[in-house]
Amino acid sequence: MGIAGAIRQIDPVQRLESELSVEEIRSRYDLEQLRCEWDSLQDQIRLPSLFLNIDWILNWWKHFGGNRQMLVVALRPGYES
């Protein structure tokens, strides 16, 4: 079995976890800390949307989040050590 065959044998979730790092953001403060990274990513979008703007998202959460728990998932390229 070659490398491609071996990769197909790996559980897709396990493969995804080795290729991506996952961070859960659960507060407005923590989301605000991603502003520079978020803005940089938004600048790369071919068809930008107001609804992807971090200020709009934070404002929406402030007015409509209520007592619910925020959950934003940040995916980044992962590196195996």
Protein backbone atom coordinates (compact mmCIF):
# COMPACT_ATOMS: atom_id res chain seq x y z
CA MET A 1 0.00 0.00 0.00
CA GLY A 2 1.38 3.39 -0.98
CA ILE A 3 1.21 6.68 0.94
CA ALA A 4 -2.12 7.64 -0.65
CA GLY A 5 -3.62 4.34 0.47
CA ALA A 6 -2.28 4.80 3.99
CA ILE A 7 -3.75 8.30 4.18
CA ARG A 8 -7.15 6.96 3.12
CA GLN A 9 -6.95 4.49 6.02
CA ILE A 10 -6.65 7.32 8.58
CA ASP A 11 -9.85 8.43 10.24
CA PRO A 12 -10.93 11.70 8.49
CA VAL A 13 -11.38 13.48 11.84
CA GLN A 14 -7.90 12.49 12.96
CA ARG A 15 -6.48 13.63 9.61
CA LEU A 16 -8.30 16.97 9.88
CA GLU A 17 -6.98 17.53 13.41
CA SER A 18 -3.40 17.02 12.22
CA GLU A 19 -3.89 19.47 9.35
CA LEU A 20 -5.73 22.19 11.30
CA SER A 21 -5.49 23.72 14.72
CA VAL A 22 -8.85 24.49 16.28
CA GLU A 23 -9.49 27.29 18.76
CA GLU A 24 -12.83 27.94 20.45
CA ILE A 25 -13.61 31.59 21.18
CA ARG A 26 -16.29 31.97 23.84
CA SER A 27 -16.27 35.65 24.80
CA ARG A 28 -16.48 39.09 23.20
CA TYR A 29 -13.08 39.91 24.69
CA ASP A 30 -11.44 36.85 23.10
CA LEU A 31 -13.10 37.58 19.75
CA GLU A 32 -11.86 41.18 19.94
CA GLN A 33 -8.32 39.81 20.37
CA LEU A 34 -8.62 38.28 16.88
CA ARG A 35 -9.37 41.65 15.25
CA CYS A 36 -6.08 42.04 13.32
CA GLU A 37 -6.12 38.44 12.12
CA TRP A 38 -9.86 38.67 11.28
CA ASP A 39 -9.46 41.94 9.37
CA SER A 40 -6.52 40.53 7.42
CA LEU A 41 -8.55 37.49 6.43
CA GLN A 42 -11.56 39.64 5.51
CA ASP A 43 -9.35 41.77 3.24
CA GLN A 44 -8.61 38.62 1.21
CA ILE A 45 -12.27 37.83 0.45
CA ARG A 46 -13.14 38.39 -3.18
CA LEU A 47 -16.75 39.44 -2.43
CA PRO A 48 -16.69 41.01 1.03
CA SER A 49 -19.85 41.12 3.11
CA LEU A 50 -20.90 43.50 5.87
CA PHE A 51 -21.99 40.44 7.84
CA LEU A 52 -18.41 39.16 8.02
CA ASN A 53 -17.08 42.41 9.49
CA ILE A 54 -15.91 41.87 13.07
CA ASP A 55 -17.49 45.15 14.24
CA TRP A 56 -20.85 44.05 12.85
CA ILE A 57 -20.53 40.63 14.50
CA LEU A 58 -19.55 42.11 17.88
CA ASN A 59 -22.38 44.65 17.68
CA TRP A 60 -24.89 41.96 16.71
CA TRP A 61 -23.78 39.81 19.64
CA LYS A 62 -24.02 42.76 22.03
CA HIS A 63 -27.67 43.38 21.06
CA PHE A 64 -28.94 39.89 20.26
CA GLY A 65 -26.64 37.45 22.07
CA GLY A 66 -28.64 37.70 25.27
CA ASN A 67 -27.67 35.12 27.87
CA ARG A 68 -26.47 32.61 25.29
CA GLN A 69 -22.91 31.28 25.19
CA MET A 70 -20.85 32.60 22.29
CA LEU A 71 -18.99 30.05 20.20
CA VAL A 72 -16.70 31.08 17.35
CA VAL A 73 -14.39 28.44 15.95
CA ALA A 74 -11.04 29.57 14.52
CA LEU A 75 -9.32 27.11 12.20
CA ARG A 76 -5.69 27.61 11.29
CA PRO A 77 -3.10 25.50 9.50
CA GLY A 78 -1.83 22.95 12.02
CA TYR A 79 1.70 21.71 12.36
CA GLU A 80 2.60 18.32 13.75
CA SER A 81 5.54 18.30 16.10
